[in-house]
N, C-alpha and C. Protein backbone atom coordinates (compact mmCIF):
# COMPACT_ATOMS: atom_id res chain seq x y z
N MET A 1 -25.80 -4.80 0.32
CA MET A 1 -25.10 -5.62 1.27
C MET A 1 -23.61 -5.28 1.21
N LEU A 2 -23.01 -5.09 2.35
CA LEU A 2 -21.60 -4.74 2.44
C LEU A 2 -20.82 -5.97 2.86
N VAL A 3 -19.87 -6.39 2.04
CA VAL A 3 -19.03 -7.55 2.32
C VAL A 3 -17.59 -7.07 2.39
N CYS A 4 -16.88 -7.51 3.41
CA CYS A 4 -15.49 -7.08 3.58
C CYS A 4 -14.58 -8.30 3.55
N ALA A 5 -13.42 -8.17 2.93
CA ALA A 5 -12.45 -9.26 2.87
C ALA A 5 -11.05 -8.65 2.85
N CYS A 6 -10.06 -9.49 2.99
CA CYS A 6 -8.66 -9.03 2.95
C CYS A 6 -7.87 -9.84 1.94
N ALA A 7 -6.87 -9.21 1.37
CA ALA A 7 -5.93 -9.88 0.47
C ALA A 7 -4.56 -9.29 0.75
N PHE A 8 -3.52 -10.04 0.46
CA PHE A 8 -2.18 -9.52 0.65
C PHE A 8 -1.61 -9.10 -0.69
N LEU A 9 -0.97 -7.94 -0.71
CA LEU A 9 -0.37 -7.40 -1.92
C LEU A 9 1.11 -7.18 -1.70
N GLU A 10 1.90 -7.37 -2.73
CA GLU A 10 3.30 -6.99 -2.69
C GLU A 10 3.43 -5.70 -3.48
N LEU A 11 3.90 -4.66 -2.82
CA LEU A 11 4.05 -3.37 -3.46
C LEU A 11 5.50 -2.93 -3.34
N GLY A 12 5.92 -2.11 -4.28
CA GLY A 12 7.31 -1.68 -4.28
C GLY A 12 7.52 -0.29 -3.74
N ASP A 13 8.61 -0.11 -3.00
CA ASP A 13 9.09 1.20 -2.58
C ASP A 13 10.29 1.54 -3.45
N ARG A 14 10.42 2.79 -3.84
CA ARG A 14 11.55 3.23 -4.66
C ARG A 14 12.82 3.10 -3.84
N ASP A 15 13.77 2.35 -4.35
CA ASP A 15 15.04 2.12 -3.66
C ASP A 15 16.13 2.01 -4.71
N PRO A 16 16.97 3.04 -4.86
CA PRO A 16 17.98 3.02 -5.91
C PRO A 16 18.98 1.87 -5.77
N THR A 17 19.11 1.27 -4.60
CA THR A 17 20.06 0.17 -4.42
C THR A 17 19.51 -1.14 -5.00
N GLN A 18 18.24 -1.19 -5.34
CA GLN A 18 17.60 -2.40 -5.86
C GLN A 18 17.52 -2.33 -7.38
N GLU A 19 18.66 -2.24 -8.04
CA GLU A 19 18.69 -2.09 -9.49
C GLU A 19 18.06 -3.26 -10.23
N CYS A 20 18.18 -4.49 -9.68
CA CYS A 20 17.63 -5.65 -10.38
C CYS A 20 16.10 -5.59 -10.44
N LEU A 21 15.48 -4.80 -9.58
CA LEU A 21 14.03 -4.65 -9.60
C LEU A 21 13.63 -3.32 -10.21
N GLY A 22 14.53 -2.72 -10.96
CA GLY A 22 14.24 -1.43 -11.56
C GLY A 22 14.17 -0.32 -10.54
N GLY A 23 14.88 -0.48 -9.42
CA GLY A 23 14.88 0.55 -8.39
C GLY A 23 13.78 0.39 -7.36
N TRP A 24 13.03 -0.72 -7.39
CA TRP A 24 11.93 -0.92 -6.45
C TRP A 24 12.24 -2.10 -5.53
N SER A 25 12.00 -1.95 -4.25
CA SER A 25 12.09 -3.07 -3.31
C SER A 25 10.67 -3.45 -2.93
N MET A 26 10.43 -4.74 -2.74
CA MET A 26 9.07 -5.22 -2.51
C MET A 26 8.75 -5.31 -1.02
N LYS A 27 7.52 -4.94 -0.68
CA LYS A 27 7.00 -5.06 0.67
C LYS A 27 5.60 -5.64 0.57
N LYS A 28 5.18 -6.34 1.60
CA LYS A 28 3.84 -6.92 1.60
C LYS A 28 2.92 -6.09 2.49
N PHE A 29 1.73 -5.82 1.97
CA PHE A 29 0.72 -5.08 2.70
C PHE A 29 -0.61 -5.82 2.63
N THR A 30 -1.51 -5.46 3.51
CA THR A 30 -2.85 -6.05 3.53
C THR A 30 -3.84 -5.12 2.86
N LEU A 31 -4.50 -5.63 1.83
CA LEU A 31 -5.57 -4.88 1.17
C LEU A 31 -6.88 -5.33 1.80
N GLU A 32 -7.56 -4.42 2.46
CA GLU A 32 -8.89 -4.69 3.00
C GLU A 32 -9.88 -4.10 2.01
N TYR A 33 -10.83 -4.91 1.55
CA TYR A 33 -11.74 -4.41 0.52
C TYR A 33 -13.17 -4.86 0.78
N TRP A 34 -14.10 -4.16 0.13
CA TRP A 34 -15.52 -4.45 0.27
C TRP A 34 -16.23 -4.02 -0.99
N LYS A 35 -17.43 -4.52 -1.16
CA LYS A 35 -18.27 -4.13 -2.30
C LYS A 35 -19.16 -2.98 -1.87
N ASP A 36 -19.20 -1.95 -2.68
CA ASP A 36 -20.08 -0.81 -2.46
C ASP A 36 -20.84 -0.61 -3.76
N ASP A 37 -22.08 -1.04 -3.78
CA ASP A 37 -22.87 -1.12 -5.00
C ASP A 37 -22.12 -2.02 -5.99
N ASP A 38 -21.75 -1.49 -7.15
CA ASP A 38 -21.05 -2.31 -8.15
C ASP A 38 -19.53 -2.15 -8.11
N TRP A 39 -19.01 -1.45 -7.12
CA TRP A 39 -17.58 -1.15 -7.05
C TRP A 39 -16.90 -1.95 -5.95
N PHE A 40 -15.65 -2.33 -6.21
CA PHE A 40 -14.77 -2.86 -5.17
C PHE A 40 -14.02 -1.65 -4.61
N VAL A 41 -14.10 -1.45 -3.31
CA VAL A 41 -13.44 -0.33 -2.64
C VAL A 41 -12.48 -0.91 -1.62
N GLY A 42 -11.30 -0.32 -1.49
CA GLY A 42 -10.35 -0.90 -0.54
C GLY A 42 -9.34 0.09 -0.03
N ARG A 43 -8.59 -0.39 0.97
CA ARG A 43 -7.55 0.42 1.60
C ARG A 43 -6.40 -0.49 2.01
N LEU A 44 -5.23 0.10 2.14
CA LEU A 44 -4.09 -0.63 2.69
C LEU A 44 -4.12 -0.47 4.20
N VAL A 45 -4.25 -1.56 4.90
CA VAL A 45 -4.41 -1.53 6.35
C VAL A 45 -3.21 -0.86 7.02
N GLU A 46 -2.01 -1.18 6.55
CA GLU A 46 -0.80 -0.68 7.19
C GLU A 46 -0.45 0.76 6.83
N ILE A 47 -1.06 1.31 5.80
CA ILE A 47 -0.72 2.66 5.32
C ILE A 47 -1.98 3.54 5.35
N PRO A 48 -2.18 4.32 6.41
CA PRO A 48 -3.37 5.17 6.48
C PRO A 48 -3.46 6.12 5.29
N GLY A 49 -4.63 6.28 4.76
CA GLY A 49 -4.86 7.23 3.69
C GLY A 49 -4.72 6.68 2.29
N VAL A 50 -4.31 5.42 2.13
CA VAL A 50 -4.20 4.83 0.79
C VAL A 50 -5.47 4.02 0.52
N PHE A 51 -6.39 4.64 -0.21
CA PHE A 51 -7.67 4.04 -0.59
C PHE A 51 -7.79 4.07 -2.10
N SER A 52 -8.61 3.17 -2.65
CA SER A 52 -8.92 3.23 -4.06
C SER A 52 -10.17 2.41 -4.34
N GLN A 53 -10.52 2.32 -5.62
CA GLN A 53 -11.69 1.55 -6.03
C GLN A 53 -11.48 1.00 -7.42
N GLY A 54 -12.31 0.06 -7.82
CA GLY A 54 -12.24 -0.51 -9.15
C GLY A 54 -13.51 -1.27 -9.46
N GLU A 55 -13.78 -1.46 -10.73
CA GLU A 55 -14.98 -2.21 -11.13
C GLU A 55 -14.81 -3.70 -10.88
N THR A 56 -13.54 -4.18 -10.81
CA THR A 56 -13.25 -5.58 -10.49
C THR A 56 -12.20 -5.60 -9.38
N LEU A 57 -12.02 -6.75 -8.75
CA LEU A 57 -10.99 -6.86 -7.72
C LEU A 57 -9.60 -6.65 -8.31
N ASP A 58 -9.36 -7.18 -9.51
CA ASP A 58 -8.06 -6.97 -10.16
C ASP A 58 -7.81 -5.49 -10.44
N GLU A 59 -8.84 -4.78 -10.88
CA GLU A 59 -8.69 -3.34 -11.14
C GLU A 59 -8.43 -2.60 -9.83
N LEU A 60 -9.11 -2.98 -8.75
CA LEU A 60 -8.85 -2.37 -7.45
C LEU A 60 -7.40 -2.58 -7.04
N LYS A 61 -6.89 -3.80 -7.22
CA LYS A 61 -5.50 -4.09 -6.85
C LYS A 61 -4.54 -3.19 -7.63
N GLU A 62 -4.75 -3.04 -8.92
CA GLU A 62 -3.88 -2.17 -9.72
C GLU A 62 -4.00 -0.72 -9.28
N ASN A 63 -5.24 -0.27 -9.02
CA ASN A 63 -5.45 1.12 -8.61
C ASN A 63 -4.83 1.40 -7.24
N ILE A 64 -4.91 0.44 -6.31
CA ILE A 64 -4.34 0.66 -4.98
C ILE A 64 -2.82 0.69 -5.07
N LYS A 65 -2.24 -0.11 -5.98
CA LYS A 65 -0.80 -0.05 -6.20
C LYS A 65 -0.40 1.33 -6.73
N ASP A 66 -1.17 1.86 -7.67
CA ASP A 66 -0.90 3.20 -8.19
C ASP A 66 -1.00 4.25 -7.10
N ALA A 67 -2.03 4.16 -6.26
CA ALA A 67 -2.22 5.11 -5.17
C ALA A 67 -1.03 5.07 -4.20
N TYR A 68 -0.56 3.86 -3.91
CA TYR A 68 0.59 3.69 -3.02
C TYR A 68 1.84 4.31 -3.65
N ARG A 69 2.09 4.01 -4.91
CA ARG A 69 3.27 4.56 -5.59
C ARG A 69 3.24 6.08 -5.63
N MET A 70 2.06 6.66 -5.91
CA MET A 70 1.94 8.12 -5.93
C MET A 70 2.24 8.70 -4.56
N MET A 71 1.77 8.04 -3.50
CA MET A 71 2.03 8.51 -2.15
C MET A 71 3.51 8.45 -1.83
N VAL A 72 4.17 7.33 -2.18
CA VAL A 72 5.59 7.16 -1.90
C VAL A 72 6.42 8.17 -2.70
N GLU A 73 6.11 8.34 -3.95
CA GLU A 73 6.89 9.24 -4.79
C GLU A 73 6.69 10.70 -4.45
N SER A 74 5.56 11.07 -3.89
CA SER A 74 5.31 12.47 -3.55
C SER A 74 5.79 12.82 -2.15
N GLU A 75 6.09 11.82 -1.35
CA GLU A 75 6.53 12.04 0.03
C GLU A 75 8.02 12.35 0.06
N THR A 76 8.39 13.50 0.60
CA THR A 76 9.80 13.82 0.76
C THR A 76 10.22 13.41 2.17
N LEU A 77 11.22 12.57 2.24
CA LEU A 77 11.69 12.07 3.52
C LEU A 77 13.14 12.48 3.77
N ASP A 78 13.55 13.62 3.22
CA ASP A 78 14.93 14.04 3.36
C ASP A 78 15.29 14.47 4.78
N PHE A 79 14.32 14.60 5.66
CA PHE A 79 14.58 14.98 7.04
C PHE A 79 14.95 13.76 7.90
N ILE A 80 14.79 12.54 7.38
CA ILE A 80 15.12 11.33 8.12
C ILE A 80 16.58 10.98 7.85
N PRO A 81 17.37 10.79 8.91
CA PRO A 81 18.78 10.45 8.70
C PRO A 81 18.93 9.09 8.02
N GLU A 82 20.09 8.86 7.38
CA GLU A 82 20.33 7.60 6.68
C GLU A 82 20.32 6.40 7.61
N LYS A 83 20.88 6.56 8.80
CA LYS A 83 20.92 5.45 9.76
C LYS A 83 19.84 5.65 10.80
N THR A 84 18.91 4.73 10.84
CA THR A 84 17.83 4.76 11.82
C THR A 84 17.73 3.39 12.48
N ARG A 85 16.96 3.31 13.54
CA ARG A 85 16.69 2.04 14.22
C ARG A 85 15.20 1.81 14.23
N ARG A 86 14.82 0.53 14.30
CA ARG A 86 13.41 0.16 14.36
C ARG A 86 13.17 -0.79 15.52
N VAL A 87 12.03 -0.64 16.16
CA VAL A 87 11.60 -1.55 17.22
C VAL A 87 10.14 -1.90 16.99
N GLN A 88 9.73 -3.05 17.46
CA GLN A 88 8.33 -3.45 17.39
C GLN A 88 7.58 -2.70 18.48
N LEU A 89 6.41 -2.21 18.18
CA LEU A 89 5.58 -1.47 19.12
C LEU A 89 4.20 -2.06 19.09
N GLU A 90 3.70 -2.49 20.23
CA GLU A 90 2.37 -3.07 20.31
C GLU A 90 1.40 -2.04 20.82
N LEU A 91 0.34 -1.80 20.07
CA LEU A 91 -0.69 -0.83 20.45
C LEU A 91 -2.02 -1.53 20.62
N HIS A 92 -2.77 -1.14 21.59
CA HIS A 92 -4.10 -1.71 21.82
C HIS A 92 -5.14 -0.69 21.40
N SER A 93 -6.16 -1.17 20.67
CA SER A 93 -7.21 -0.23 20.24
C SER A 93 -8.41 -0.33 21.14
């Protein structure tokens, strides 16, 4: 039986200006997870490609945080200028 649920996680992005957090700024993401046999499997809804698994929900949460950190730390974003703008974009699926 496949059961799916969601939880919210606070994960950190490396930000040298956030010294009080050890260089990490916090962001909230949605962890969508399900049971696959005896494993909890999940993904971050807002970040495509960040998946993980764990024997418990707590282990899945820790593993998904590690997967996110590895993705952030391995991503080079030096091509993005320091000053950017953001707008909300609504997409229909």
